[in-house]
Amino acid sequence: MINELTMAEALADPLIRLVLAADKVSSDEFAAVLAAGARKQHEAALSNSFPSSRSPSLDQLSNSSSPK
């Protein structure tokens, strides 16, 4: 079972804080990197939930909603 840290847990972890200090990276900078990665992962998950081969085209959507 994989137990992943939340962003708050990662920022509070003593070992991670030591590595950040050694690399002269602030916790704010690290938080920004984590947030950017989470945002990218979320966007990728959203784009993968509607595969292009199965999603309707704009023409199909507009034709299906117009009265006949």
C-alpha atoms as a PDB file:
ATOM      1  CA  MET A   1       0.000   0.000   0.000  1.00  0.00           C
ATOM      2  CA  ILE A   2       1.388   3.389  -1.024  1.00  0.00           C
ATOM      3  CA  ASN A   3       0.975   6.179   1.486  1.00  0.00           C
ATOM      4  CA  GLU A   4       1.496   9.537  -0.214  1.00  0.00           C
ATOM      5  CA  LEU A   5       2.002  12.755   1.698  1.00  0.00           C
ATOM      6  CA  THR A   6      -0.380  15.642   1.332  1.00  0.00           C
ATOM      7  CA  MET A   7       1.150  19.002   0.425  1.00  0.00           C
ATOM      8  CA  ALA A   8       0.806  20.155   4.041  1.00  0.00           C
ATOM      9  CA  GLU A   9       2.483  16.979   5.321  1.00  0.00           C
ATOM     10  CA  ALA A  10       5.325  17.322   2.805  1.00  0.00           C
ATOM     11  CA  LEU A  11       5.922  20.937   3.806  1.00  0.00           C
ATOM     12  CA  ALA A  12       5.992  19.969   7.491  1.00  0.00           C
ATOM     13  CA  ASP A  13       8.150  16.850   7.081  1.00  0.00           C
ATOM     14  CA  PRO A  14      11.486  17.299   8.906  1.00  0.00           C
ATOM     15  CA  LEU A  15      13.554  15.422   6.318  1.00  0.00           C
ATOM     16  CA  ILE A  16      12.069  17.379   3.416  1.00  0.00           C
ATOM     17  CA  ARG A  17      12.688  20.622   5.315  1.00  0.00           C
ATOM     18  CA  LEU A  18      16.352  19.649   5.775  1.00  0.00           C
ATOM     19  CA  VAL A  19      16.727  18.934   2.058  1.00  0.00           C
ATOM     20  CA  LEU A  20      15.029  22.241   1.187  1.00  0.00           C
ATOM     21  CA  ALA A  21      17.366  24.108   3.532  1.00  0.00           C
ATOM     22  CA  ALA A  22      20.422  22.361   2.079  1.00  0.00           C
ATOM     23  CA  ASP A  23      19.256  23.294  -1.426  1.00  0.00           C
ATOM     24  CA  LYS A  24      18.402  26.849  -0.341  1.00  0.00           C
ATOM     25  CA  VAL A  25      14.778  26.429  -1.428  1.00  0.00           C
ATOM     26  CA  SER A  26      12.112  28.164   0.639  1.00  0.00           C
ATOM     27  CA  SER A  27       8.986  26.341   1.712  1.00  0.00           C
ATOM     28  CA  ASP A  28       6.976  28.881  -0.333  1.00  0.00           C
ATOM     29  CA  GLU A  29       8.952  27.984  -3.465  1.00  0.00           C
ATOM     30  CA  PHE A  30       8.484  24.280  -2.784  1.00  0.00           C
ATOM     31  CA  ALA A  31       4.759  24.800  -2.189  1.00  0.00           C
ATOM     32  CA  ALA A  32       4.506  26.584  -5.549  1.00  0.00           C
ATOM     33  CA  VAL A  33       6.230  23.657  -7.292  1.00  0.00           C
ATOM     34  CA  LEU A  34       3.885  21.169  -5.619  1.00  0.00           C
ATOM     35  CA  ALA A  35       0.825  23.245  -6.518  1.00  0.00           C
ATOM     36  CA  ALA A  36       1.940  23.540 -10.162  1.00  0.00           C
ATOM     37  CA  GLY A  37       2.465  19.780 -10.350  1.00  0.00           C
ATOM     38  CA  ALA A  38      -0.938  19.108  -8.807  1.00  0.00           C
ATOM     39  CA  ARG A  39      -2.563  21.509 -11.265  1.00  0.00           C
ATOM     40  CA  LYS A  40      -0.875  19.771 -14.233  1.00  0.00           C
ATOM     41  CA  GLN A  41      -1.886  16.359 -12.955  1.00  0.00           C
ATOM     42  CA  HIS A  42      -5.487  17.517 -12.487  1.00  0.00           C
ATOM     43  CA  GLU A  43      -5.610  19.013 -16.003  1.00  0.00           C
ATOM     44  CA  ALA A  44      -4.184  15.797 -17.468  1.00  0.00           C
ATOM     45  CA  ALA A  45      -6.771  13.731 -15.617  1.00  0.00           C
ATOM     46  CA  LEU A  46      -9.554  15.950 -16.956  1.00  0.00           C
ATOM     47  CA  SER A  47      -8.316  15.697 -20.535  1.00  0.00           C
ATOM     48  CA  ASN A  48      -7.994  11.912 -20.210  1.00  0.00           C
ATOM     49  CA  SER A  49     -11.548  11.540 -18.928  1.00  0.00           C
ATOM     50  CA  PHE A  50     -12.888  12.600 -22.346  1.00  0.00           C
ATOM     51  CA  PRO A  51     -10.809  10.775 -24.962  1.00  0.00           C
ATOM     52  CA  SER A  52     -10.837  12.653 -28.252  1.00  0.00           C
ATOM     53  CA  SER A  53     -11.821   9.542 -30.212  1.00  0.00           C
ATOM     54  CA  ARG A  54     -15.050   9.195 -28.236  1.00  0.00           C
ATOM     55  CA  SER A  55     -16.007  12.778 -27.530  1.00  0.00           C
ATOM     56  CA  PRO A  56     -18.430  14.439 -29.904  1.00  0.00           C
ATOM     57  CA  SER A  57     -17.201  17.094 -32.292  1.00  0.00           C
ATOM     58  CA  LEU A  58     -18.529  20.640 -32.133  1.00  0.00           C
ATOM     59  CA  ASP A  59     -20.542  19.951 -35.305  1.00  0.00           C
ATOM     60  CA  GLN A  60     -22.153  16.903 -33.717  1.00  0.00           C
ATOM     61  CA  LEU A  61     -23.043  18.895 -30.606  1.00  0.00           C
ATOM     62  CA  SER A  62     -24.528  21.801 -32.532  1.00  0.00           C
ATOM     63  CA  ASN A  63     -26.521  19.472 -34.829  1.00  0.00           C
ATOM     64  CA  SER A  64     -27.959  17.483 -31.946  1.00  0.00           C
ATOM     65  CA  SER A  65     -29.194  20.575 -30.109  1.00  0.00           C
ATOM     66  CA  SER A  66     -30.807  22.307 -33.077  1.00  0.00           C
ATOM     67  CA  PRO A  67     -34.538  21.750 -33.625  1.00  0.00           C
ATOM     68  CA  LYS A  68     -35.547  19.683 -36.654  1.00  0.00           C
END
